[in-house]
Amino acid sequence: MKIKRNFVTNSSTTAYVCIVCGETVGAYDSQSMEDCGFMQCENGHELCGSCLPDNIDVMKNEGDYEGKILEKYCTICTLKTITDKDLLSFLQKEGVIERQNEENIIREQFKNYEDIQKCLKRN
């Protein structure tokens, strides 16, 4: 008989990632999204507690909450918040920026990934 050490069977975890700020929380099967301080809108946008709409309590009190945030309350769906990914995609589509040109500028200005991260944290 073989014995595996440091091996857990039937262990299942998930991670919730806020689409706005990137906060990530790991959870076990028994923990719901709300248990971890997250909620999801009906279009699948996952939001952490600090990025939830201001009117979340109103929504719950009016009976407009059935396990998911309605589109009319979601900060992403109502464009109160525009994600970095959506903004970048829009700017590329509009021709405001061209990916290859921007990549070349980054490569000219920075030696490595660590340098660009320092610059981004500074600003």
PDB file of N, CA and C in Angstrom:
ATOM      1  N   MET A   1       0.835  -1.172   0.000  1.00  0.00           N
ATOM      2  CA  MET A   1       0.000   0.000   0.000  1.00  0.00           C
ATOM      3  C   MET A   1       0.888   1.246   0.000  1.00  0.00           C
ATOM      4  N   LYS A   2       0.573   2.187  -0.871  1.00  0.00           N
ATOM      5  CA  LYS A   2       1.316   3.445  -0.951  1.00  0.00           C
ATOM      6  C   LYS A   2       0.633   4.504  -0.113  1.00  0.00           C
ATOM      7  N   ILE A   3       1.447   5.279   0.594  1.00  0.00           N
ATOM      8  CA  ILE A   3       0.920   6.367   1.401  1.00  0.00           C
ATOM      9  C   ILE A   3       1.485   7.675   0.874  1.00  0.00           C
ATOM     10  N   LYS A   4       0.623   8.603   0.587  1.00  0.00           N
ATOM     11  CA  LYS A   4       1.058   9.929   0.134  1.00  0.00           C
ATOM     12  C   LYS A   4       1.097  10.854   1.331  1.00  0.00           C
ATOM     13  N   ARG A   5       2.193  11.535   1.492  1.00  0.00           N
ATOM     14  CA  ARG A   5       2.327  12.487   2.588  1.00  0.00           C
ATOM     15  C   ARG A   5       2.151  13.908   2.033  1.00  0.00           C
ATOM     16  N   ASN A   6       1.664  14.802   2.879  1.00  0.00           N
ATOM     17  CA  ASN A   6       1.436  16.198   2.475  1.00  0.00           C
ATOM     18  C   ASN A   6       0.494  16.297   1.285  1.00  0.00           C
ATOM     19  N   PHE A   7      -0.490  15.455   1.242  1.00  0.00           N
ATOM     20  CA  PHE A   7      -1.428  15.432   0.140  1.00  0.00           C
ATOM     21  C   PHE A   7      -2.832  15.429   0.715  1.00  0.00           C
ATOM     22  N   VAL A   8      -3.655  16.355   0.281  1.00  0.00           N
ATOM     23  CA  VAL A   8      -5.018  16.450   0.798  1.00  0.00           C
ATOM     24  C   VAL A   8      -5.986  16.068  -0.312  1.00  0.00           C
ATOM     25  N   THR A   9      -6.829  15.106  -0.033  1.00  0.00           N
ATOM     26  CA  THR A   9      -7.831  14.714  -1.024  1.00  0.00           C
ATOM     27  C   THR A   9      -9.148  15.416  -0.724  1.00  0.00           C
ATOM     28  N   ASN A  10      -9.962  15.523  -1.708  1.00  0.00           N
ATOM     29  CA  ASN A  10     -11.278  16.146  -1.583  1.00  0.00           C
ATOM     30  C   ASN A  10     -11.214  17.572  -1.033  1.00  0.00           C
ATOM     31  N   SER A  11     -10.129  18.245  -1.291  1.00  0.00           N
ATOM     32  CA  SER A  11     -10.005  19.633  -0.861  1.00  0.00           C
ATOM     33  C   SER A  11     -10.300  20.520  -2.051  1.00  0.00           C
ATOM     34  N   SER A  12     -11.228  21.416  -1.867  1.00  0.00           N
ATOM     35  CA  SER A  12     -11.589  22.280  -2.974  1.00  0.00           C
ATOM     36  C   SER A  12     -11.688  23.718  -2.481  1.00  0.00           C
ATOM     37  N   THR A  13     -10.991  24.599  -3.151  1.00  0.00           N
ATOM     38  CA  THR A  13     -11.050  26.014  -2.811  1.00  0.00           C
ATOM     39  C   THR A  13     -11.333  26.814  -4.073  1.00  0.00           C
ATOM     40  N   THR A  14     -11.750  28.010  -3.861  1.00  0.00           N
ATOM     41  CA  THR A  14     -11.978  28.928  -4.975  1.00  0.00           C
ATOM     42  C   THR A  14     -11.439  30.286  -4.570  1.00  0.00           C
ATOM     43  N   ALA A  15     -11.280  31.139  -5.515  1.00  0.00           N
ATOM     44  CA  ALA A  15     -10.819  32.497  -5.225  1.00  0.00           C
ATOM     45  C   ALA A  15     -11.800  33.478  -5.851  1.00  0.00           C
ATOM     46  N   TYR A  16     -12.113  34.508  -5.103  1.00  0.00           N
ATOM     47  CA  TYR A  16     -12.941  35.595  -5.605  1.00  0.00           C
ATOM     48  C   TYR A  16     -12.031  36.777  -5.875  1.00  0.00           C
ATOM     49  N   VAL A  17     -12.164  37.362  -7.064  1.00  0.00           N
ATOM     50  CA  VAL A  17     -11.320  38.491  -7.457  1.00  0.00           C
ATOM     51  C   VAL A  17     -12.226  39.659  -7.842  1.00  0.00           C
ATOM     52  N   CYS A  18     -12.008  40.788  -7.191  1.00  0.00           N
ATOM     53  CA  CYS A  18     -12.809  41.980  -7.484  1.00  0.00           C
ATOM     54  C   CYS A  18     -12.400  42.540  -8.843  1.00  0.00           C
ATOM     55  N   ILE A  19     -13.365  42.740  -9.713  1.00  0.00           N
ATOM     56  CA  ILE A  19     -13.087  43.240 -11.058  1.00  0.00           C
ATOM     57  C   ILE A  19     -12.620  44.697 -11.042  1.00  0.00           C
ATOM     58  N   VAL A  20     -12.913  45.421  -9.965  1.00  0.00           N
ATOM     59  CA  VAL A  20     -12.544  46.832  -9.882  1.00  0.00           C
ATOM     60  C   VAL A  20     -11.135  47.011  -9.331  1.00  0.00           C
ATOM     61  N   CYS A  21     -10.889  46.507  -8.127  1.00  0.00           N
ATOM     62  CA  CYS A  21      -9.610  46.775  -7.454  1.00  0.00           C
ATOM     63  C   CYS A  21      -8.637  45.609  -7.462  1.00  0.00           C
ATOM     64  N   GLY A  22      -9.112  44.422  -7.835  1.00  0.00           N
ATOM     65  CA  GLY A  22      -8.230  43.256  -7.899  1.00  0.00           C
ATOM     66  C   GLY A  22      -8.058  42.519  -6.585  1.00  0.00           C
ATOM     67  N   GLU A  23      -8.754  42.949  -5.523  1.00  0.00           N
ATOM     68  CA  GLU A  23      -8.653  42.230  -4.246  1.00  0.00           C
ATOM     69  C   GLU A  23      -9.025  40.769  -4.470  1.00  0.00           C
ATOM     70  N   THR A  24      -8.246  39.879  -3.876  1.00  0.00           N
ATOM     71  CA  THR A  24      -8.472  38.451  -4.033  1.00  0.00           C
ATOM     72  C   THR A  24      -8.645  37.808  -2.667  1.00  0.00           C
ATOM     73  N   VAL A  25      -9.662  36.964  -2.555  1.00  0.00           N
ATOM     74  CA  VAL A  25      -9.908  36.238  -1.318  1.00  0.00           C
ATOM     75  C   VAL A  25     -10.100  34.769  -1.662  1.00  0.00           C
ATOM     76  N   GLY A  26      -9.344  33.919  -0.977  1.00  0.00           N
ATOM     77  CA  GLY A  26      -9.505  32.477  -1.153  1.00  0.00           C
ATOM     78  C   GLY A  26     -10.604  31.980  -0.239  1.00  0.00           C
ATOM     79  N   ALA A  27     -11.346  30.977  -0.694  1.00  0.00           N
ATOM     80  CA  ALA A  27     -12.457  30.459   0.091  1.00  0.00           C
ATOM     81  C   ALA A  27     -12.548  28.948  -0.057  1.00  0.00           C
ATOM     82  N   TYR A  28     -13.067  28.309   0.973  1.00  0.00           N
ATOM     83  CA  TYR A  28     -13.348  26.877   0.933  1.00  0.00           C
ATOM     84  C   TYR A  28     -14.743  26.656   0.378  1.00  0.00           C
ATOM     85  N   ASP A  29     -15.030  25.415   0.015  1.00  0.00           N
ATOM     86  CA  ASP A  29     -16.344  25.083  -0.537  1.00  0.00           C
ATOM     87  C   ASP A  29     -17.497  25.581   0.324  1.00  0.00           C
ATOM     88  N   SER A  30     -17.317  25.519   1.631  1.00  0.00           N
ATOM     89  CA  SER A  30     -18.411  25.865   2.539  1.00  0.00           C
ATOM     90  C   SER A  30     -18.646  27.370   2.651  1.00  0.00           C
ATOM     91  N   GLN A  31     -17.751  28.171   2.093  1.00  0.00           N
ATOM     92  CA  GLN A  31     -17.884  29.622   2.183  1.00  0.00           C
ATOM     93  C   GLN A  31     -18.510  30.195   0.917  1.00  0.00           C
ATOM     94  N   SER A  32     -19.535  30.982   1.098  1.00  0.00           N
ATOM     95  CA  SER A  32     -20.166  31.617  -0.058  1.00  0.00           C
ATOM     96  C   SER A  32     -19.405  32.886  -0.419  1.00  0.00           C
ATOM     97  N   MET A  33     -19.738  33.428  -1.555  1.00  0.00           N
ATOM     98  CA  MET A  33     -19.142  34.687  -1.989  1.00  0.00           C
ATOM     99  C   MET A  33     -19.427  35.781  -0.961  1.00  0.00           C
ATOM    100  N   GLU A  34     -20.649  35.826  -0.471  1.00  0.00           N
ATOM    101  CA  GLU A  34     -21.012  36.841   0.522  1.00  0.00           C
ATOM    102  C   GLU A  34     -20.273  36.628   1.837  1.00  0.00           C
ATOM    103  N   ASP A  35     -20.024  35.367   2.210  1.00  0.00           N
ATOM    104  CA  ASP A  35     -19.243  35.087   3.420  1.00  0.00           C
ATOM    105  C   ASP A  35     -17.859  35.728   3.331  1.00  0.00           C
ATOM    106  N   CYS A  36     -17.341  35.862   2.122  1.00  0.00           N
ATOM    107  CA  CYS A  36     -16.008  36.424   1.893  1.00  0.00           C
ATOM    108  C   CYS A  36     -16.049  37.924   1.630  1.00  0.00           C
ATOM    109  N   GLY A  37     -17.237  38.528   1.729  1.00  0.00           N
ATOM    110  CA  GLY A  37     -17.365  39.972   1.540  1.00  0.00           C
ATOM    111  C   GLY A  37     -17.501  40.388   0.090  1.00  0.00           C
ATOM    112  N   PHE A  38     -17.872  39.450  -0.774  1.00  0.00           N
ATOM    113  CA  PHE A  38     -18.028  39.724  -2.200  1.00  0.00           C
ATOM    114  C   PHE A  38     -19.482  39.548  -2.603  1.00  0.00           C
ATOM    115  N   MET A  39     -19.867  40.238  -3.664  1.00  0.00           N
ATOM    116  CA  MET A  39     -21.169  40.030  -4.286  1.00  0.00           C
ATOM    117  C   MET A  39     -20.965  40.027  -5.797  1.00  0.00           C
ATOM    118  N   GLN A  40     -21.909  39.448  -6.495  1.00  0.00           N
ATOM    119  CA  GLN A  40     -21.832  39.362  -7.950  1.00  0.00           C
ATOM    120  C   GLN A  40     -23.091  39.956  -8.552  1.00  0.00           C
ATOM    121  N   CYS A  41     -22.912  40.663  -9.674  1.00  0.00           N
ATOM    122  CA  CYS A  41     -24.097  41.201 -10.345  1.00  0.00           C
ATOM    123  C   CYS A  41     -24.665  40.140 -11.283  1.00  0.00           C
ATOM    124  N   GLU A  42     -25.818  40.422 -11.815  1.00  0.00           N
ATOM    125  CA  GLU A  42     -26.478  39.448 -12.681  1.00  0.00           C
ATOM    126  C   GLU A  42     -25.710  39.215 -13.986  1.00  0.00           C
ATOM    127  N   ASN A  43     -24.753  40.075 -14.295  1.00  0.00           N
ATOM    128  CA  ASN A  43     -23.911  39.879 -15.482  1.00  0.00           C
ATOM    129  C   ASN A  43     -22.555  39.267 -15.148  1.00  0.00           C
ATOM    130  N   GLY A  44     -22.371  38.861 -13.891  1.00  0.00           N
ATOM    131  CA  GLY A  44     -21.169  38.134 -13.508  1.00  0.00           C
ATOM    132  C   GLY A  44     -20.019  38.964 -12.965  1.00  0.00           C
ATOM    133  N   HIS A  45     -20.198  40.259 -12.782  1.00  0.00           N
ATOM    134  CA  HIS A  45     -19.126  41.094 -12.228  1.00  0.00           C
ATOM    135  C   HIS A  45     -19.009  40.838 -10.727  1.00  0.00           C
ATOM    136  N   GLU A  46     -17.827  40.410 -10.273  1.00  0.00           N
ATOM    137  CA  GLU A  46     -17.589  40.153  -8.859  1.00  0.00           C
ATOM    138  C   GLU A  46     -16.989  41.403  -8.220  1.00  0.00           C
ATOM    139  N   LEU A  47     -17.624  41.873  -7.137  1.00  0.00           N
ATOM    140  CA  LEU A  47     -17.189  43.086  -6.457  1.00  0.00           C
ATOM    141  C   LEU A  47     -16.924  42.795  -4.987  1.00  0.00           C
ATOM    142  N   CYS A  48     -15.794  43.319  -4.481  1.00  0.00           N
ATOM    143  CA  CYS A  48     -15.490  43.177  -3.050  1.00  0.00           C
ATOM    144  C   CYS A  48     -16.297  44.210  -2.271  1.00  0.00           C
ATOM    145  N   GLY A  49     -16.281  44.081  -0.952  1.00  0.00           N
ATOM    146  CA  GLY A  49     -17.065  44.970  -0.093  1.00  0.00           C
ATOM    147  C   GLY A  49     -16.778  46.440  -0.293  1.00  0.00           C
ATOM    148  N   SER A  50     -15.498  46.798  -0.518  1.00  0.00           N
ATOM    149  CA  SER A  50     -15.169  48.218  -0.669  1.00  0.00           C
ATOM    150  C   SER A  50     -15.532  48.764  -2.045  1.00  0.00           C
ATOM    151  N   CYS A  51     -15.838  47.909  -2.995  1.00  0.00           N
ATOM    152  CA  CYS A  51     -16.198  48.365  -4.343  1.00  0.00           C
ATOM    153  C   CYS A  51     -17.681  48.155  -4.671  1.00  0.00           C
ATOM    154  N   LEU A  52     -18.438  47.731  -3.668  1.00  0.00           N
ATOM    155  CA  LEU A  52     -19.878  47.550  -3.884  1.00  0.00           C
ATOM    156  C   LEU A  52     -20.543  48.906  -4.089  1.00  0.00           C
ATOM    157  N   PRO A  53     -21.671  48.936  -4.770  1.00  0.00           N
ATOM    158  CA  PRO A  53     -22.383  50.195  -4.962  1.00  0.00           C
ATOM    159  C   PRO A  53     -22.763  50.821  -3.623  1.00  0.00           C
ATOM    160  N   ASP A  54     -22.794  52.142  -3.576  1.00  0.00           N
ATOM    161  CA  ASP A  54     -23.168  52.862  -2.355  1.00  0.00           C
ATOM    162  C   ASP A  54     -24.586  52.530  -1.906  1.00  0.00           C
ATOM    163  N   ASN A  55     -25.436  52.212  -2.869  1.00  0.00           N
ATOM    164  CA  ASN A  55     -26.850  51.996  -2.561  1.00  0.00           C
ATOM    165  C   ASN A  55     -27.184  50.522  -2.315  1.00  0.00           C
ATOM    166  N   ILE A  56     -26.207  49.742  -1.907  1.00  0.00           N
ATOM    167  CA  ILE A  56     -26.428  48.307  -1.733  1.00  0.00           C
ATOM    168  C   ILE A  56     -27.489  48.025  -0.666  1.00  0.00           C
ATOM    169  N   ASP A  57     -27.516  48.809   0.416  1.00  0.00           N
ATOM    170  CA  ASP A  57     -28.519  48.599   1.459  1.00  0.00           C
ATOM    171  C   ASP A  57     -29.915  48.952   0.957  1.00  0.00           C
ATOM    172  N   VAL A  58     -30.015  50.002   0.158  1.00  0.00           N
ATOM    173  CA  VAL A  58     -31.302  50.389  -0.435  1.00  0.00           C
ATOM    174  C   VAL A  58     -31.806  49.260  -1.322  1.00  0.00           C
ATOM    175  N   MET A  59     -30.900  48.710  -2.121  1.00  0.00           N
ATOM    176  CA  MET A  59     -31.260  47.624  -3.031  1.00  0.00           C
ATOM    177  C   MET A  59     -31.824  46.447  -2.243  1.00  0.00           C
ATOM    178  N   LYS A  60     -31.156  46.083  -1.156  1.00  0.00           N
ATOM    179  CA  LYS A  60     -31.630  44.952  -0.354  1.00  0.00           C
ATOM    180  C   LYS A  60     -32.972  45.270   0.312  1.00  0.00           C
ATOM    181  N   ASN A  61     -33.123  46.491   0.821  1.00  0.00           N
ATOM    182  CA  ASN A  61     -34.363  46.883   1.502  1.00  0.00           C
ATOM    183  C   ASN A  61     -35.552  46.955   0.551  1.00  0.00           C
ATOM    184  N   GLU A  62     -35.319  47.281  -0.705  1.00  0.00           N
ATOM    185  CA  GLU A  62     -36.407  47.385  -1.684  1.00  0.00           C
ATOM    186  C   GLU A  62     -36.780  46.029  -2.285  1.00  0.00           C
ATOM    187  N   GLY A  63     -36.094  44.985  -1.840  1.00  0.00           N
ATOM    188  CA  GLY A  63     -36.394  43.654  -2.364  1.00  0.00           C
ATOM    189  C   GLY A  63     -35.818  43.406  -3.739  1.00  0.00           C
ATOM    190  N   ASP A  64     -34.869  44.258  -4.148  1.00  0.00           N
ATOM    191  CA  ASP A  64     -34.244  44.098  -5.461  1.00  0.00           C
ATOM    192  C   ASP A  64     -33.011  43.193  -5.406  1.00  0.00           C
ATOM    193  N   TYR A  65     -32.921  42.359  -4.405  1.00  0.00           N
ATOM    194  CA  TYR A  65     -31.751  41.499  -4.286  1.00  0.00           C
ATOM    195  C   TYR A  65     -32.196  40.060  -4.111  1.00  0.00           C
ATOM    196  N   GLU A  66     -31.817  39.238  -5.062  1.00  0.00           N
ATOM    197  CA  GLU A  66     -32.132  37.807  -4.990  1.00  0.00           C
ATOM    198  C   GLU A  66     -30.856  37.004  -5.224  1.00  0.00           C
ATOM    199  N   GLY A  67     -29.831  37.315  -4.434  1.00  0.00           N
ATOM    200  CA  GLY A  67     -28.584  36.571  -4.563  1.00  0.00           C
ATOM    201  C   GLY A  67     -27.582  37.220  -5.497  1.00  0.00           C
ATOM    202  N   LYS A  68     -28.028  38.142  -6.326  1.00  0.00           N
ATOM    203  CA  LYS A  68     -27.129  38.858  -7.239  1.00  0.00           C
ATOM    204  C   LYS A  68     -27.536  40.322  -7.290  1.00  0.00           C
ATOM    205  N   ILE A  69     -26.545  41.181  -7.513  1.00  0.00           N
ATOM    206  CA  ILE A  69     -26.814  42.606  -7.675  1.00  0.00           C
ATOM    207  C   ILE A  69     -27.469  42.808  -9.037  1.00  0.00           C
ATOM    208  N   LEU A  70     -28.558  43.539  -9.072  1.00  0.00           N
ATOM    209  CA  LEU A  70     -29.207  43.821 -10.356  1.00  0.00           C
ATOM    210  C   LEU A  70     -28.335  44.764 -11.179  1.00  0.00           C
ATOM    211  N   GLU A  71     -28.419  44.632 -12.489  1.00  0.00           N
ATOM    212  CA  GLU A  71     -27.628  45.450 -13.416  1.00  0.00           C
ATOM    213  C   GLU A  71     -27.755  46.938 -13.114  1.00  0.00           C
ATOM    214  N   LYS A  72     -28.946  47.391 -12.767  1.00  0.00           N
ATOM    215  CA  LYS A  72     -29.165  48.824 -12.539  1.00  0.00           C
ATOM    216  C   LYS A  72     -28.424  49.349 -11.307  1.00  0.00           C
ATOM    217  N   TYR A  73     -27.902  48.457 -10.450  1.00  0.00           N
ATOM    218  CA  TYR A  73     -27.142  48.865  -9.274  1.00  0.00           C
ATOM    219  C   TYR A  73     -25.636  48.642  -9.429  1.00  0.00           C
ATOM    220  N   CYS A  74     -25.236  47.799 -10.357  1.00  0.00           N
ATOM    221  CA  CYS A  74     -23.824  47.428 -10.517  1.00  0.00           C
ATOM    222  C   CYS A  74     -23.007  48.611 -11.049  1.00  0.00           C
ATOM    223  N   THR A  75     -21.910  48.923 -10.368  1.00  0.00           N
ATOM    224  CA  THR A  75     -21.079  50.060 -10.778  1.00  0.00           C
ATOM    225  C   THR A  75     -20.392  49.825 -12.124  1.00  0.00           C
ATOM    226  N   ILE A  76     -20.175  48.580 -12.493  1.00  0.00           N
ATOM    227  CA  ILE A  76     -19.569  48.276 -13.795  1.00  0.00           C
ATOM    228  C   ILE A  76     -20.631  48.392 -14.891  1.00  0.00           C
ATOM    229  N   CYS A  77     -21.778  47.756 -14.672  1.00  0.00           N
ATOM    230  CA  CYS A  77     -22.848  47.772 -15.684  1.00  0.00           C
ATOM    231  C   CYS A  77     -23.368  49.180 -15.963  1.00  0.00           C
ATOM    232  N   THR A  78     -23.382  50.031 -14.938  1.00  0.00           N
ATOM    233  CA  THR A  78     -23.886  51.399 -15.115  1.00  0.00           C
ATOM    234  C   THR A  78     -22.783  52.377 -15.517  1.00  0.00           C
ATOM    235  N   LEU A  79     -21.580  51.865 -15.706  1.00  0.00           N
ATOM    236  CA  LEU A  79     -20.404  52.640 -16.115  1.00  0.00           C
ATOM    237  C   LEU A  79     -19.986  53.700 -15.097  1.00  0.00           C
ATOM    238  N   LYS A  80     -20.382  53.541 -13.835  1.00  0.00           N
ATOM    239  CA  LYS A  80     -19.867  54.420 -12.791  1.00  0.00           C
ATOM    240  C   LYS A  80     -18.392  54.128 -12.559  1.00  0.00           C
ATOM    241  N   THR A  81     -18.019  52.881 -12.807  1.00  0.00           N
ATOM    242  CA  THR A  81     -16.620  52.458 -12.749  1.00  0.00           C
ATOM    243  C   THR A  81     -16.287  51.797 -14.073  1.00  0.00           C
ATOM    244  N   ILE A  82     -15.184  52.195 -14.664  1.00  0.00           N
ATOM    245  CA  ILE A  82     -14.721  51.565 -15.904  1.00  0.00           C
ATOM    246  C   ILE A  82     -13.422  50.829 -15.580  1.00  0.00           C
ATOM    247  N   THR A  83     -13.395  49.548 -15.852  1.00  0.00           N
ATOM    248  CA  THR A  83     -12.219  48.756 -15.517  1.00  0.00           C
ATOM    249  C   THR A  83     -11.032  49.147 -16.396  1.00  0.00           C
ATOM    250  N   ASP A  84      -9.843  48.896 -15.894  1.00  0.00           N
ATOM    251  CA  ASP A  84      -8.634  49.171 -16.677  1.00  0.00           C
ATOM    252  C   ASP A  84      -8.658  48.405 -17.999  1.00  0.00           C
ATOM    253  N   LYS A  85      -9.117  47.165 -17.947  1.00  0.00           N
ATOM    254  CA  LYS A  85      -9.177  46.333 -19.152  1.00  0.00           C
ATOM    255  C   LYS A  85     -10.110  46.959 -20.197  1.00  0.00           C
ATOM    256  N   ASP A  86     -11.283  47.401 -19.764  1.00  0.00           N
ATOM    257  CA  ASP A  86     -12.234  48.010 -20.700  1.00  0.00           C
ATOM    258  C   ASP A  86     -11.709  49.335 -21.248  1.00  0.00           C
ATOM    259  N   LEU A  87     -11.074  50.120 -20.387  1.00  0.00           N
ATOM    260  CA  LEU A  87     -10.511  51.391 -20.828  1.00  0.00           C
ATOM    261  C   LEU A  87      -9.408  51.170 -21.861  1.00  0.00           C
ATOM    262  N   LEU A  88      -8.516  50.237 -21.586  1.00  0.00           N
ATOM    263  CA  LEU A  88      -7.434  49.940 -22.522  1.00  0.00           C
ATOM    264  C   LEU A  88      -7.985  49.431 -23.856  1.00  0.00           C
ATOM    265  N   SER A  89      -8.964  48.531 -23.788  1.00  0.00           N
ATOM    266  CA  SER A  89      -9.572  48.009 -25.023  1.00  0.00           C
ATOM    267  C   SER A  89     -10.212  49.126 -25.839  1.00  0.00           C
ATOM    268  N   PHE A  90     -10.903  50.025 -25.166  1.00  0.00           N
ATOM    269  CA  PHE A  90     -11.548  51.147 -25.852  1.00  0.00           C
ATOM    270  C   PHE A  90     -10.508  52.049 -26.515  1.00  0.00           C
ATOM    271  N   LEU A  91      -9.456  52.404 -25.770  1.00  0.00           N
ATOM    272  CA  LEU A  91      -8.422  53.285 -26.320  1.00  0.00           C
ATOM    273  C   LEU A  91      -7.720  52.641 -27.519  1.00  0.00           C
ATOM    274  N   GLN A  92      -7.507  51.345 -27.455  1.00  0.00           N
ATOM    275  CA  GLN A  92      -6.907  50.648 -28.600  1.00  0.00           C
ATOM    276  C   GLN A  92      -7.842  50.659 -29.795  1.00  0.00           C
ATOM    277  N   LYS A  93      -9.114  50.381 -29.554  1.00  0.00           N
ATOM    278  CA  LYS A  93     -10.094  50.354 -30.647  1.00  0.00           C
ATOM    279  C   LYS A  93     -10.227  51.718 -31.310  1.00  0.00           C
ATOM    280  N   GLU A  94     -10.194  52.786 -30.503  1.00  0.00           N
ATOM    281  CA  GLU A  94     -10.335  54.144 -31.016  1.00  0.00           C
ATOM    282  C   GLU A  94      -9.053  54.654 -31.680  1.00  0.00           C
ATOM    283  N   GLY A  95      -7.981  53.887 -31.581  1.00  0.00           N
ATOM    284  CA  GLY A  95      -6.718  54.292 -32.193  1.00  0.00           C
ATOM    285  C   GLY A  95      -5.953  55.330 -31.389  1.00  0.00           C
ATOM    286  N   VAL A  96      -6.370  55.557 -30.154  1.00  0.00           N
ATOM    287  CA  VAL A  96      -5.684  56.520 -29.300  1.00  0.00           C
ATOM    288  C   VAL A  96      -4.307  55.987 -28.929  1.00  0.00           C
ATOM    289  N   ILE A  97      -4.246  54.702 -28.704  1.00  0.00           N
ATOM    290  CA  ILE A  97      -2.954  54.066 -28.447  1.00  0.00           C
ATOM    291  C   ILE A  97      -2.820  52.845 -29.351  1.00  0.00           C
ATOM    292  N   GLU A  98      -1.618  52.544 -29.710  1.00  0.00           N
ATOM    293  CA  GLU A  98      -1.337  51.349 -30.494  1.00  0.00           C
ATOM    294  C   GLU A  98      -0.423  50.470 -29.668  1.00  0.00           C
ATOM    295  N   ARG A  99      -0.855  49.268 -29.429  1.00  0.00           N
ATOM    296  CA  ARG A  99      -0.164  48.362 -28.509  1.00  0.00           C
ATOM    297  C   ARG A  99       1.320  48.245 -28.812  1.00  0.00           C
ATOM    298  N   GLN A 100       1.664  47.998 -30.042  1.00  0.00           N
ATOM    299  CA  GLN A 100       3.077  47.793 -30.388  1.00  0.00           C
ATOM    300  C   GLN A 100       3.921  49.022 -30.071  1.00  0.00           C
ATOM    301  N   ASN A 101       3.395  50.199 -30.381  1.00  0.00           N
ATOM    302  CA  ASN A 101       4.118  51.438 -30.074  1.00  0.00           C
ATOM    303  C   ASN A 101       4.317  51.599 -28.573  1.00  0.00           C
ATOM    304  N   GLU A 102       3.260  51.355 -27.801  1.00  0.00           N
ATOM    305  CA  GLU A 102       3.335  51.498 -26.349  1.00  0.00           C
ATOM    306  C   GLU A 102       4.302  50.485 -25.752  1.00  0.00           C
ATOM    307  N   GLU A 103       4.288  49.260 -26.272  1.00  0.00           N
ATOM    308  CA  GLU A 103       5.218  48.238 -25.783  1.00  0.00           C
ATOM    309  C   GLU A 103       6.665  48.660 -26.049  1.00  0.00           C
ATOM    310  N   ASN A 104       6.911  49.208 -27.221  1.00  0.00           N
ATOM    311  CA  ASN A 104       8.273  49.659 -27.548  1.00  0.00           C
ATOM    312  C   ASN A 104       8.724  50.787 -26.624  1.00  0.00           C
ATOM    313  N   ILE A 105       7.823  51.709 -26.305  1.00  0.00           N
ATOM    314  CA  ILE A 105       8.159  52.800 -25.388  1.00  0.00           C
ATOM    315  C   ILE A 105       8.520  52.242 -24.014  1.00  0.00           C
ATOM    316  N   ILE A 106       7.738  51.293 -23.541  1.00  0.00           N
ATOM    317  CA  ILE A 106       8.015  50.673 -22.235  1.00  0.00           C
ATOM    318  C   ILE A 106       9.375  49.985 -22.255  1.00  0.00           C
ATOM    319  N   ARG A 107       9.653  49.256 -23.313  1.00  0.00           N
ATOM    320  CA  ARG A 107      10.940  48.551 -23.406  1.00  0.00           C
ATOM    321  C   ARG A 107      12.118  49.517 -23.441  1.00  0.00           C
ATOM    322  N   GLU A 108      11.911  50.692 -24.043  1.00  0.00           N
ATOM    323  CA  GLU A 108      12.978  51.695 -24.099  1.00  0.00           C
ATOM    324  C   GLU A 108      13.209  52.361 -22.739  1.00  0.00           C
ATOM    325  N   GLN A 109      12.142  52.548 -21.982  1.00  0.00           N
ATOM    326  CA  GLN A 109      12.235  53.283 -20.718  1.00  0.00           C
ATOM    327  C   GLN A 109      12.613  52.428 -19.510  1.00  0.00           C
ATOM    328  N   PHE A 110      12.364  51.133 -19.580  1.00  0.00           N
ATOM    329  CA  PHE A 110      12.583  50.280 -18.414  1.00  0.00           C
ATOM    330  C   PHE A 110      13.477  49.094 -18.755  1.00  0.00           C
ATOM    331  N   LYS A 111      14.272  48.699 -17.767  1.00  0.00           N
ATOM    332  CA  LYS A 111      15.178  47.560 -17.955  1.00  0.00           C
ATOM    333  C   LYS A 111      14.467  46.231 -17.765  1.00  0.00           C
ATOM    334  N   ASN A 112      13.518  46.213 -16.801  1.00  0.00           N
ATOM    335  CA  ASN A 112      12.870  44.944 -16.471  1.00  0.00           C
ATOM    336  C   ASN A 112      11.497  45.200 -15.835  1.00  0.00           C
ATOM    337  N   TYR A 113      10.829  44.113 -15.527  1.00  0.00           N
ATOM    338  CA  TYR A 113       9.477  44.169 -14.967  1.00  0.00           C
ATOM    339  C   TYR A 113       9.457  44.887 -13.628  1.00  0.00           C
ATOM    340  N   GLU A 114      10.460  44.644 -12.802  1.00  0.00           N
ATOM    341  CA  GLU A 114      10.533  45.278 -11.485  1.00  0.00           C
ATOM    342  C   GLU A 114      10.573  46.804 -11.610  1.00  0.00           C
ATOM    343  N   ASP A 115      11.325  47.311 -12.574  1.00  0.00           N
ATOM    344  CA  ASP A 115      11.421  48.764 -12.773  1.00  0.00           C
ATOM    345  C   ASP A 115      10.079  49.384 -13.149  1.00  0.00           C
ATOM    346  N   ILE A 116       9.359  48.728 -14.026  1.00  0.00           N
ATOM    347  CA  ILE A 116       8.064  49.293 -14.439  1.00  0.00           C
ATOM    348  C   ILE A 116       7.073  49.229 -13.276  1.00  0.00           C
ATOM    349  N   GLN A 117       7.133  48.182 -12.468  1.00  0.00           N
ATOM    350  CA  GLN A 117       6.242  48.079 -11.309  1.00  0.00           C
ATOM    351  C   GLN A 117       6.531  49.185 -10.298  1.00  0.00           C
ATOM    352  N   LYS A 118       7.799  49.497 -10.090  1.00  0.00           N
ATOM    353  CA  LYS A 118       8.154  50.601  -9.178  1.00  0.00           C
ATOM    354  C   LYS A 118       7.572  51.911  -9.680  1.00  0.00           C
ATOM    355  N   CYS A 119       7.674  52.134 -10.980  1.00  0.00           N
ATOM    356  CA  CYS A 119       7.147  53.360 -11.580  1.00  0.00           C
ATOM    357  C   CYS A 119       5.630  53.424 -11.423  1.00  0.00           C
ATOM    358  N   LEU A 120       4.953  52.327 -11.651  1.00  0.00           N
ATOM    359  CA  LEU A 120       3.495  52.307 -11.549  1.00  0.00           C
ATOM    360  C   LEU A 120       3.024  52.527 -10.119  1.00  0.00           C
ATOM    361  N   LYS A 121       3.754  52.002  -9.145  1.00  0.00           N
ATOM    362  CA  LYS A 121       3.382  52.195  -7.738  1.00  0.00           C
ATOM    363  C   LYS A 121       3.618  53.625  -7.285  1.00  0.00           C
ATOM    364  N   ARG A 122       4.615  54.272  -7.868  1.00  0.00           N
ATOM    365  CA  ARG A 122       4.939  55.663  -7.524  1.00  0.00           C
ATOM    366  C   ARG A 122       3.828  56.597  -7.953  1.00  0.00           C
ATOM    367  N   ASN A 123       3.219  56.319  -9.079  1.00  0.00           N
ATOM    368  CA  ASN A 123       2.200  57.223  -9.623  1.00  0.00           C
ATOM    369  C   ASN A 123       0.888  56.778  -9.130  1.00  0.00           C
TER     370      ASN A 123
END
